[in-house]
Amino acid sequence: MKKEELGLEDFIDKMVSEKREFEGLEPEVIKQIKNDLLSRIEDRVNATIVNNIPEDKMPEFEKLSESGKDEEVQAFCEENIPDFAQLIASELIAFRQTYLA
């Protein structure tokens, strides 16, 4: 799923701005940190999705994922994963807590 759809760039920007240790770092270093965090959170969100897709729906999910039709993938997840939005929100909160600790 694309990071733009989940608002991950804004989420990461806010987290980085809250991390006082980063104040005064070069813009290029901040950009690298943000890219690394985006990659990590995308991996965690994707793992959460895969772990919560019903087994009988996995072939359809894989086919949709490969199609590149991100809106359809998101709709599929919302339809087939109970409490999808809450599940993703919980994963983002856990990531943020770990990062800012």
PDB file of N, CA and C in Angstrom:
ATOM      1  N   MET A   1       0.838  -1.172   0.000  1.00  0.00           N
ATOM      2  CA  MET A   1       0.000   0.000   0.000  1.00  0.00           C
ATOM      3  C   MET A   1       0.889   1.242   0.000  1.00  0.00           C
ATOM      4  N   LYS A   2       0.503   2.250  -0.726  1.00  0.00           N
ATOM      5  CA  LYS A   2       1.334   3.448  -0.850  1.00  0.00           C
ATOM      6  C   LYS A   2       1.315   4.278   0.425  1.00  0.00           C
ATOM      7  N   LYS A   3       2.475   4.823   0.730  1.00  0.00           N
ATOM      8  CA  LYS A   3       2.588   5.632   1.944  1.00  0.00           C
ATOM      9  C   LYS A   3       1.718   6.877   1.888  1.00  0.00           C
ATOM     10  N   GLU A   4       1.487   7.419   0.671  1.00  0.00           N
ATOM     11  CA  GLU A   4       0.669   8.624   0.555  1.00  0.00           C
ATOM     12  C   GLU A   4      -0.763   8.360   0.998  1.00  0.00           C
ATOM     13  N   GLU A   5      -1.265   7.157   0.681  1.00  0.00           N
ATOM     14  CA  GLU A   5      -2.642   6.839   1.009  1.00  0.00           C
ATOM     15  C   GLU A   5      -2.869   6.764   2.508  1.00  0.00           C
ATOM     16  N   LEU A   6      -1.888   6.335   3.219  1.00  0.00           N
ATOM     17  CA  LEU A   6      -2.029   6.207   4.656  1.00  0.00           C
ATOM     18  C   LEU A   6      -1.570   7.457   5.397  1.00  0.00           C
ATOM     19  N   GLY A   7      -1.107   8.462   4.674  1.00  0.00           N
ATOM     20  CA  GLY A   7      -0.617   9.683   5.302  1.00  0.00           C
ATOM     21  C   GLY A   7       0.685   9.467   6.049  1.00  0.00           C
ATOM     22  N   LEU A   8       1.467   8.511   5.590  1.00  0.00           N
ATOM     23  CA  LEU A   8       2.682   8.167   6.318  1.00  0.00           C
ATOM     24  C   LEU A   8       3.744   9.252   6.263  1.00  0.00           C
ATOM     25  N   GLU A   9       3.833   9.977   5.170  1.00  0.00           N
ATOM     26  CA  GLU A   9       4.847  11.040   5.107  1.00  0.00           C
ATOM     27  C   GLU A   9       4.592  12.100   6.165  1.00  0.00           C
ATOM     28  N   ASP A  10       3.338  12.508   6.327  1.00  0.00           N
ATOM     29  CA  ASP A  10       3.004  13.491   7.355  1.00  0.00           C
ATOM     30  C   ASP A  10       3.264  12.929   8.751  1.00  0.00           C
ATOM     31  N   PHE A  11       2.920  11.657   8.936  1.00  0.00           N
ATOM     32  CA  PHE A  11       3.145  10.981  10.208  1.00  0.00           C
ATOM     33  C   PHE A  11       4.636  10.991  10.564  1.00  0.00           C
ATOM     34  N   ILE A  12       5.478  10.652   9.603  1.00  0.00           N
ATOM     35  CA  ILE A  12       6.925  10.610   9.820  1.00  0.00           C
ATOM     36  C   ILE A  12       7.472  12.022  10.039  1.00  0.00           C
ATOM     37  N   ASP A  13       7.019  12.991   9.257  1.00  0.00           N
ATOM     38  CA  ASP A  13       7.462  14.381   9.443  1.00  0.00           C
ATOM     39  C   ASP A  13       7.208  14.843  10.870  1.00  0.00           C
ATOM     40  N   LYS A  14       6.027  14.543  11.379  1.00  0.00           N
ATOM     41  CA  LYS A  14       5.669  14.959  12.736  1.00  0.00           C
ATOM     42  C   LYS A  14       6.546  14.247  13.770  1.00  0.00           C
ATOM     43  N   MET A  15       6.769  12.954  13.578  1.00  0.00           N
ATOM     44  CA  MET A  15       7.619  12.214  14.512  1.00  0.00           C
ATOM     45  C   MET A  15       9.034  12.774  14.546  1.00  0.00           C
ATOM     46  N   VAL A  16       9.596  13.036  13.378  1.00  0.00           N
ATOM     47  CA  VAL A  16      10.966  13.542  13.304  1.00  0.00           C
ATOM     48  C   VAL A  16      11.049  14.921  13.963  1.00  0.00           C
ATOM     49  N   SER A  17      10.020  15.742  13.760  1.00  0.00           N
ATOM     50  CA  SER A  17      10.045  17.074  14.366  1.00  0.00           C
ATOM     51  C   SER A  17       9.958  17.002  15.887  1.00  0.00           C
ATOM     52  N   GLU A  18       9.391  15.925  16.420  1.00  0.00           N
ATOM     53  CA  GLU A  18       9.270  15.762  17.867  1.00  0.00           C
ATOM     54  C   GLU A  18      10.546  15.210  18.504  1.00  0.00           C
ATOM     55  N   LYS A  19      11.421  14.669  17.715  1.00  0.00           N
ATOM     56  CA  LYS A  19      12.654  14.066  18.227  1.00  0.00           C
ATOM     57  C   LYS A  19      13.707  15.171  18.377  1.00  0.00           C
ATOM     58  N   ARG A  20      13.907  15.638  19.571  1.00  0.00           N
ATOM     59  CA  ARG A  20      14.794  16.776  19.836  1.00  0.00           C
ATOM     60  C   ARG A  20      16.244  16.508  19.426  1.00  0.00           C
ATOM     61  N   GLU A  21      16.652  15.257  19.419  1.00  0.00           N
ATOM     62  CA  GLU A  21      18.036  14.929  19.056  1.00  0.00           C
ATOM     63  C   GLU A  21      18.360  15.321  17.618  1.00  0.00           C
ATOM     64  N   PHE A  22      17.333  15.545  16.807  1.00  0.00           N
ATOM     65  CA  PHE A  22      17.552  15.860  15.397  1.00  0.00           C
ATOM     66  C   PHE A  22      17.655  17.359  15.121  1.00  0.00           C
ATOM     67  N   GLU A  23      17.409  18.174  16.128  1.00  0.00           N
ATOM     68  CA  GLU A  23      17.494  19.619  15.926  1.00  0.00           C
ATOM     69  C   GLU A  23      18.917  19.990  15.526  1.00  0.00           C
ATOM     70  N   GLY A  24      19.035  20.773  14.475  1.00  0.00           N
ATOM     71  CA  GLY A  24      20.336  21.248  14.031  1.00  0.00           C
ATOM     72  C   GLY A  24      21.043  20.328  13.051  1.00  0.00           C
ATOM     73  N   LEU A  25      20.450  19.188  12.741  1.00  0.00           N
ATOM     74  CA  LEU A  25      21.077  18.303  11.750  1.00  0.00           C
ATOM     75  C   LEU A  25      20.898  18.865  10.342  1.00  0.00           C
ATOM     76  N   GLU A  26      21.799  18.494   9.484  1.00  0.00           N
ATOM     77  CA  GLU A  26      21.731  18.934   8.081  1.00  0.00           C
ATOM     78  C   GLU A  26      20.455  18.417   7.425  1.00  0.00           C
ATOM     79  N   PRO A  27      19.864  19.200   6.537  1.00  0.00           N
ATOM     80  CA  PRO A  27      18.633  18.771   5.844  1.00  0.00           C
ATOM     81  C   PRO A  27      18.780  17.419   5.135  1.00  0.00           C
ATOM     82  N   GLU A  28      19.946  17.151   4.565  1.00  0.00           N
ATOM     83  CA  GLU A  28      20.147  15.871   3.872  1.00  0.00           C
ATOM     84  C   GLU A  28      20.097  14.700   4.855  1.00  0.00           C
ATOM     85  N   VAL A  29      20.623  14.898   6.054  1.00  0.00           N
ATOM     86  CA  VAL A  29      20.595  13.853   7.079  1.00  0.00           C
ATOM     87  C   VAL A  29      19.147  13.604   7.523  1.00  0.00           C
ATOM     88  N   ILE A  30      18.402  14.670   7.719  1.00  0.00           N
ATOM     89  CA  ILE A  30      16.982  14.560   8.095  1.00  0.00           C
ATOM     90  C   ILE A  30      16.218  13.813   7.002  1.00  0.00           C
ATOM     91  N   LYS A  31      16.507  14.126   5.757  1.00  0.00           N
ATOM     92  CA  LYS A  31      15.846  13.448   4.640  1.00  0.00           C
ATOM     93  C   LYS A  31      16.146  11.949   4.664  1.00  0.00           C
ATOM     94  N   GLN A  32      17.379  11.579   4.932  1.00  0.00           N
ATOM     95  CA  GLN A  32      17.750  10.165   5.018  1.00  0.00           C
ATOM     96  C   GLN A  32      17.037   9.473   6.183  1.00  0.00           C
ATOM     97  N   ILE A  33      16.946  10.159   7.307  1.00  0.00           N
ATOM     98  CA  ILE A  33      16.246   9.607   8.473  1.00  0.00           C
ATOM     99  C   ILE A  33      14.784   9.367   8.128  1.00  0.00           C
ATOM    100  N   LYS A  34      14.162  10.351   7.492  1.00  0.00           N
ATOM    101  CA  LYS A  34      12.754  10.210   7.119  1.00  0.00           C
ATOM    102  C   LYS A  34      12.549   9.061   6.141  1.00  0.00           C
ATOM    103  N   ASN A  35      13.429   8.934   5.161  1.00  0.00           N
ATOM    104  CA  ASN A  35      13.312   7.832   4.199  1.00  0.00           C
ATOM    105  C   ASN A  35      13.434   6.479   4.889  1.00  0.00           C
ATOM    106  N   ASP A  36      14.368   6.382   5.832  1.00  0.00           N
ATOM    107  CA  ASP A  36      14.540   5.140   6.582  1.00  0.00           C
ATOM    108  C   ASP A  36      13.287   4.822   7.403  1.00  0.00           C
ATOM    109  N   LEU A  37      12.754   5.829   8.070  1.00  0.00           N
ATOM    110  CA  LEU A  37      11.553   5.617   8.881  1.00  0.00           C
ATOM    111  C   LEU A  37      10.353   5.239   8.013  1.00  0.00           C
ATOM    112  N   LEU A  38      10.223   5.879   6.849  1.00  0.00           N
ATOM    113  CA  LEU A  38       9.131   5.532   5.942  1.00  0.00           C
ATOM    114  C   LEU A  38       9.229   4.072   5.513  1.00  0.00           C
ATOM    115  N   SER A  39      10.417   3.639   5.195  1.00  0.00           N
ATOM    116  CA  SER A  39      10.616   2.253   4.799  1.00  0.00           C
ATOM    117  C   SER A  39      10.247   1.302   5.935  1.00  0.00           C
ATOM    118  N   ARG A  40      10.674   1.628   7.121  1.00  0.00           N
ATOM    119  CA  ARG A  40      10.376   0.775   8.285  1.00  0.00           C
ATOM    120  C   ARG A  40       8.883   0.707   8.576  1.00  0.00           C
ATOM    121  N   ILE A  41       8.210   1.858   8.556  1.00  0.00           N
ATOM    122  CA  ILE A  41       6.784   1.847   8.883  1.00  0.00           C
ATOM    123  C   ILE A  41       5.986   1.168   7.771  1.00  0.00           C
ATOM    124  N   GLU A  42       6.394   1.351   6.521  1.00  0.00           N
ATOM    125  CA  GLU A  42       5.716   0.642   5.430  1.00  0.00           C
ATOM    126  C   GLU A  42       5.846  -0.863   5.618  1.00  0.00           C
ATOM    127  N   ASP A  43       7.037  -1.322   5.999  1.00  0.00           N
ATOM    128  CA  ASP A  43       7.238  -2.755   6.240  1.00  0.00           C
ATOM    129  C   ASP A  43       6.335  -3.255   7.361  1.00  0.00           C
ATOM    130  N   ARG A  44       6.242  -2.485   8.428  1.00  0.00           N
ATOM    131  CA  ARG A  44       5.403  -2.898   9.569  1.00  0.00           C
ATOM    132  C   ARG A  44       3.931  -2.907   9.202  1.00  0.00           C
ATOM    133  N   VAL A  45       3.482  -1.892   8.483  1.00  0.00           N
ATOM    134  CA  VAL A  45       2.075  -1.839   8.070  1.00  0.00           C
ATOM    135  C   VAL A  45       1.765  -2.997   7.124  1.00  0.00           C
ATOM    136  N   ASN A  46       2.648  -3.220   6.169  1.00  0.00           N
ATOM    137  CA  ASN A  46       2.429  -4.320   5.228  1.00  0.00           C
ATOM    138  C   ASN A  46       2.417  -5.668   5.941  1.00  0.00           C
ATOM    139  N   ALA A  47       3.305  -5.866   6.897  1.00  0.00           N
ATOM    140  CA  ALA A  47       3.328  -7.117   7.666  1.00  0.00           C
ATOM    141  C   ALA A  47       2.034  -7.278   8.464  1.00  0.00           C
ATOM    142  N   THR A  48       1.547  -6.198   9.029  1.00  0.00           N
ATOM    143  CA  THR A  48       0.297  -6.240   9.782  1.00  0.00           C
ATOM    144  C   THR A  48      -0.858  -6.628   8.864  1.00  0.00           C
ATOM    145  N   ILE A  49      -0.877  -6.052   7.677  1.00  0.00           N
ATOM    146  CA  ILE A  49      -1.932  -6.385   6.719  1.00  0.00           C
ATOM    147  C   ILE A  49      -1.862  -7.868   6.358  1.00  0.00           C
ATOM    148  N   VAL A  50      -0.693  -8.326   5.974  1.00  0.00           N
ATOM    149  CA  VAL A  50      -0.533  -9.726   5.560  1.00  0.00           C
ATOM    150  C   VAL A  50      -0.907 -10.685   6.699  1.00  0.00           C
ATOM    151  N   ASN A  51      -0.537 -10.339   7.910  1.00  0.00           N
ATOM    152  CA  ASN A  51      -0.841 -11.202   9.056  1.00  0.00           C
ATOM    153  C   ASN A  51      -2.326 -11.233   9.407  1.00  0.00           C
ATOM    154  N   ASN A  52      -3.089 -10.278   8.888  1.00  0.00           N
ATOM    155  CA  ASN A  52      -4.507 -10.203   9.239  1.00  0.00           C
ATOM    156  C   ASN A  52      -5.459 -10.493   8.086  1.00  0.00           C
ATOM    157  N   ILE A  53      -4.929 -10.747   6.912  1.00  0.00           N
ATOM    158  CA  ILE A  53      -5.776 -11.148   5.778  1.00  0.00           C
ATOM    159  C   ILE A  53      -6.215 -12.593   6.036  1.00  0.00           C
ATOM    160  N   PRO A  54      -7.508 -12.873   5.924  1.00  0.00           N
ATOM    161  CA  PRO A  54      -7.937 -14.271   6.060  1.00  0.00           C
ATOM    162  C   PRO A  54      -7.222 -15.151   5.027  1.00  0.00           C
ATOM    163  N   GLU A  55      -6.835 -16.336   5.456  1.00  0.00           N
ATOM    164  CA  GLU A  55      -6.045 -17.226   4.603  1.00  0.00           C
ATOM    165  C   GLU A  55      -6.719 -17.487   3.258  1.00  0.00           C
ATOM    166  N   ASP A  56      -8.033 -17.640   3.267  1.00  0.00           N
ATOM    167  CA  ASP A  56      -8.744 -17.919   2.019  1.00  0.00           C
ATOM    168  C   ASP A  56      -8.790 -16.709   1.077  1.00  0.00           C
ATOM    169  N   LYS A  57      -8.474 -15.542   1.586  1.00  0.00           N
ATOM    170  CA  LYS A  57      -8.477 -14.316   0.769  1.00  0.00           C
ATOM    171  C   LYS A  57      -7.086 -13.940   0.274  1.00  0.00           C
ATOM    172  N   MET A  58      -6.063 -14.654   0.744  1.00  0.00           N
ATOM    173  CA  MET A  58      -4.681 -14.307   0.412  1.00  0.00           C
ATOM    174  C   MET A  58      -4.403 -14.342  -1.094  1.00  0.00           C
ATOM    175  N   PRO A  59      -4.845 -15.358  -1.848  1.00  0.00           N
ATOM    176  CA  PRO A  59      -4.568 -15.333  -3.297  1.00  0.00           C
ATOM    177  C   PRO A  59      -5.149 -14.091  -3.992  1.00  0.00           C
ATOM    178  N   GLU A  60      -6.349 -13.707  -3.609  1.00  0.00           N
ATOM    179  CA  GLU A  60      -6.963 -12.514  -4.194  1.00  0.00           C
ATOM    180  C   GLU A  60      -6.187 -11.254  -3.795  1.00  0.00           C
ATOM    181  N   PHE A  61      -5.762 -11.205  -2.542  1.00  0.00           N
ATOM    182  CA  PHE A  61      -4.975 -10.067  -2.063  1.00  0.00           C
ATOM    183  C   PHE A  61      -3.660  -9.954  -2.831  1.00  0.00           C
ATOM    184  N   GLU A  62      -2.966 -11.084  -2.998  1.00  0.00           N
ATOM    185  CA  GLU A  62      -1.695 -11.076  -3.719  1.00  0.00           C
ATOM    186  C   GLU A  62      -1.874 -10.598  -5.155  1.00  0.00           C
ATOM    187  N   LYS A  63      -2.922 -11.068  -5.795  1.00  0.00           N
ATOM    188  CA  LYS A  63      -3.193 -10.657  -7.179  1.00  0.00           C
ATOM    189  C   LYS A  63      -3.459  -9.147  -7.255  1.00  0.00           C
ATOM    190  N   LEU A  64      -4.276  -8.652  -6.323  1.00  0.00           N
ATOM    191  CA  LEU A  64      -4.556  -7.210  -6.278  1.00  0.00           C
ATOM    192  C   LEU A  64      -3.289  -6.410  -6.003  1.00  0.00           C
ATOM    193  N   SER A  65      -2.476  -6.880  -5.079  1.00  0.00           N
ATOM    194  CA  SER A  65      -1.245  -6.175  -4.718  1.00  0.00           C
ATOM    195  C   SER A  65      -0.314  -6.036  -5.913  1.00  0.00           C
ATOM    196  N   GLU A  66      -0.233  -7.082  -6.697  1.00  0.00           N
ATOM    197  CA  GLU A  66       0.634  -7.074  -7.876  1.00  0.00           C
ATOM    198  C   GLU A  66       0.093  -6.186  -8.991  1.00  0.00           C
ATOM    199  N   SER A  67      -1.210  -5.905  -8.958  1.00  0.00           N
ATOM    200  CA  SER A  67      -1.834  -5.104 -10.011  1.00  0.00           C
ATOM    201  C   SER A  67      -1.430  -3.638  -9.951  1.00  0.00           C
ATOM    202  N   GLY A  68      -1.001  -3.178  -8.765  1.00  0.00           N
ATOM    203  CA  GLY A  68      -0.639  -1.776  -8.607  1.00  0.00           C
ATOM    204  C   GLY A  68      -1.844  -0.869  -8.416  1.00  0.00           C
ATOM    205  N   LYS A  69      -3.011  -1.438  -8.251  1.00  0.00           N
ATOM    206  CA  LYS A  69      -4.239  -0.652  -8.052  1.00  0.00           C
ATOM    207  C   LYS A  69      -4.438  -0.439  -6.552  1.00  0.00           C
ATOM    208  N   ASP A  70      -3.756   0.561  -6.046  1.00  0.00           N
ATOM    209  CA  ASP A  70      -3.696   0.778  -4.605  1.00  0.00           C
ATOM    210  C   ASP A  70      -5.051   1.075  -3.967  1.00  0.00           C
ATOM    211  N   GLU A  71      -5.925   1.784  -4.690  1.00  0.00           N
ATOM    212  CA  GLU A  71      -7.245   2.068  -4.114  1.00  0.00           C
ATOM    213  C   GLU A  71      -8.030   0.783  -3.930  1.00  0.00           C
ATOM    214  N   GLU A  72      -7.887  -0.137  -4.889  1.00  0.00           N
ATOM    215  CA  GLU A  72      -8.577  -1.422  -4.781  1.00  0.00           C
ATOM    216  C   GLU A  72      -7.991  -2.267  -3.660  1.00  0.00           C
ATOM    217  N   VAL A  73      -6.672  -2.213  -3.486  1.00  0.00           N
ATOM    218  CA  VAL A  73      -6.024  -2.948  -2.400  1.00  0.00           C
ATOM    219  C   VAL A  73      -6.538  -2.435  -1.061  1.00  0.00           C
ATOM    220  N   GLN A  74      -6.598  -1.125  -0.917  1.00  0.00           N
ATOM    221  CA  GLN A  74      -7.075  -0.555   0.339  1.00  0.00           C
ATOM    222  C   GLN A  74      -8.532  -0.939   0.586  1.00  0.00           C
ATOM    223  N   ALA A  75      -9.374  -0.850  -0.437  1.00  0.00           N
ATOM    224  CA  ALA A  75     -10.780  -1.227  -0.288  1.00  0.00           C
ATOM    225  C   ALA A  75     -10.902  -2.707   0.097  1.00  0.00           C
ATOM    226  N   PHE A  76     -10.076  -3.541  -0.516  1.00  0.00           N
ATOM    227  CA  PHE A  76     -10.074  -4.968  -0.200  1.00  0.00           C
ATOM    228  C   PHE A  76      -9.716  -5.189   1.266  1.00  0.00           C
ATOM    229  N   CYS A  77      -8.693  -4.493   1.733  1.00  0.00           N
ATOM    230  CA  CYS A  77      -8.271  -4.617   3.130  1.00  0.00           C
ATOM    231  C   CYS A  77      -9.373  -4.154   4.073  1.00  0.00           C
ATOM    232  N   GLU A  78      -9.986  -3.036   3.759  1.00  0.00           N
ATOM    233  CA  GLU A  78     -11.059  -2.515   4.603  1.00  0.00           C
ATOM    234  C   GLU A  78     -12.239  -3.492   4.665  1.00  0.00           C
ATOM    235  N   GLU A  79     -12.474  -4.175   3.570  1.00  0.00           N
ATOM    236  CA  GLU A  79     -13.594  -5.115   3.493  1.00  0.00           C
ATOM    237  C   GLU A  79     -13.288  -6.456   4.161  1.00  0.00           C
ATOM    238  N   ASN A  80     -12.034  -6.871   4.130  1.00  0.00           N
ATOM    239  CA  ASN A  80     -11.691  -8.224   4.563  1.00  0.00           C
ATOM    240  C   ASN A  80     -10.909  -8.335   5.861  1.00  0.00           C
ATOM    241  N   ILE A  81     -10.466  -7.215   6.403  1.00  0.00           N
ATOM    242  CA  ILE A  81      -9.747  -7.238   7.684  1.00  0.00           C
ATOM    243  C   ILE A  81     -10.624  -6.524   8.706  1.00  0.00           C
ATOM    244  N   PRO A  82     -11.092  -7.270   9.706  1.00  0.00           N
ATOM    245  CA  PRO A  82     -11.920  -6.626  10.731  1.00  0.00           C
ATOM    246  C   PRO A  82     -11.175  -5.468  11.399  1.00  0.00           C
ATOM    247  N   ASP A  83     -11.872  -4.367  11.578  1.00  0.00           N
ATOM    248  CA  ASP A  83     -11.312  -3.179  12.244  1.00  0.00           C
ATOM    249  C   ASP A  83     -10.005  -2.728  11.613  1.00  0.00           C
ATOM    250  N   PHE A  84      -9.964  -2.713  10.283  1.00  0.00           N
ATOM    251  CA  PHE A  84      -8.745  -2.389   9.545  1.00  0.00           C
ATOM    252  C   PHE A  84      -8.145  -1.050   9.964  1.00  0.00           C
ATOM    253  N   ALA A  85      -8.950  -0.001   9.991  1.00  0.00           N
ATOM    254  CA  ALA A  85      -8.426   1.330  10.339  1.00  0.00           C
ATOM    255  C   ALA A  85      -7.839   1.339  11.746  1.00  0.00           C
ATOM    256  N   GLN A  86      -8.520   0.693  12.678  1.00  0.00           N
ATOM    257  CA  GLN A  86      -8.036   0.645  14.054  1.00  0.00           C
ATOM    258  C   GLN A  86      -6.743  -0.168  14.139  1.00  0.00           C
ATOM    259  N   LEU A  87      -6.663  -1.241  13.383  1.00  0.00           N
ATOM    260  CA  LEU A  87      -5.474  -2.081  13.364  1.00  0.00           C
ATOM    261  C   LEU A  87      -4.252  -1.287  12.880  1.00  0.00           C
ATOM    262  N   ILE A  88      -4.433  -0.540  11.789  1.00  0.00           N
ATOM    263  CA  ILE A  88      -3.329   0.271  11.247  1.00  0.00           C
ATOM    264  C   ILE A  88      -2.970   1.392  12.221  1.00  0.00           C
ATOM    265  N   ALA A  89      -3.980   2.026  12.789  1.00  0.00           N
ATOM    266  CA  ALA A  89      -3.719   3.097  13.764  1.00  0.00           C
ATOM    267  C   ALA A  89      -2.923   2.561  14.955  1.00  0.00           C
ATOM    268  N   SER A  90      -3.277   1.384  15.428  1.00  0.00           N
ATOM    269  CA  SER A  90      -2.555   0.780  16.555  1.00  0.00           C
ATOM    270  C   SER A  90      -1.097   0.508  16.188  1.00  0.00           C
ATOM    271  N   GLU A  91      -0.868   0.062  14.965  1.00  0.00           N
ATOM    272  CA  GLU A  91       0.505  -0.206  14.521  1.00  0.00           C
ATOM    273  C   GLU A  91       1.298   1.097  14.435  1.00  0.00           C
ATOM    274  N   LEU A  92       0.682   2.163  13.955  1.00  0.00           N
ATOM    275  CA  LEU A  92       1.358   3.462  13.875  1.00  0.00           C
ATOM    276  C   LEU A  92       1.688   3.998  15.266  1.00  0.00           C
ATOM    277  N   ILE A  93       0.758   3.831  16.181  1.00  0.00           N
ATOM    278  CA  ILE A  93       0.989   4.290  17.555  1.00  0.00           C
ATOM    279  C   ILE A  93       2.137   3.516  18.184  1.00  0.00           C
ATOM    280  N   ALA A  94       2.159   2.200  17.994  1.00  0.00           N
ATOM    281  CA  ALA A  94       3.236   1.374  18.552  1.00  0.00           C
ATOM    282  C   ALA A  94       4.587   1.777  17.955  1.00  0.00           C
ATOM    283  N   PHE A  95       4.609   2.038  16.655  1.00  0.00           N
ATOM    284  CA  PHE A  95       5.837   2.464  15.999  1.00  0.00           C
ATOM    285  C   PHE A  95       6.311   3.796  16.578  1.00  0.00           C
ATOM    286  N   ARG A  96       5.396   4.728  16.735  1.00  0.00           N
ATOM    287  CA  ARG A  96       5.727   6.052  17.263  1.00  0.00           C
ATOM    288  C   ARG A  96       6.270   5.956  18.693  1.00  0.00           C
ATOM    289  N   GLN A  97       5.631   5.132  19.513  1.00  0.00           N
ATOM    290  CA  GLN A  97       6.076   4.977  20.896  1.00  0.00           C
ATOM    291  C   GLN A  97       7.485   4.391  20.953  1.00  0.00           C
ATOM    292  N   THR A  98       7.738   3.406  20.118  1.00  0.00           N
ATOM    293  CA  THR A  98       9.069   2.796  20.075  1.00  0.00           C
ATOM    294  C   THR A  98      10.106   3.819  19.625  1.00  0.00           C
ATOM    295  N   TYR A  99       9.770   4.587  18.600  1.00  0.00           N
ATOM    296  CA  TYR A  99      10.694   5.550  18.028  1.00  0.00           C
ATOM    297  C   TYR A  99      11.005   6.691  18.993  1.00  0.00           C
ATOM    298  N   LEU A 100       9.991   7.203  19.656  1.00  0.00           N
ATOM    299  CA  LEU A 100      10.195   8.375  20.504  1.00  0.00           C
ATOM    300  C   LEU A 100      10.670   8.009  21.912  1.00  0.00           C
ATOM    301  N   ALA A 101      10.716   6.730  22.222  1.00  0.00           N
ATOM    302  CA  ALA A 101      11.135   6.295  23.571  1.00  0.00           C
ATOM    303  C   ALA A 101      12.603   6.616  23.815  1.00  0.00           C
TER     304      ALA A 101
END
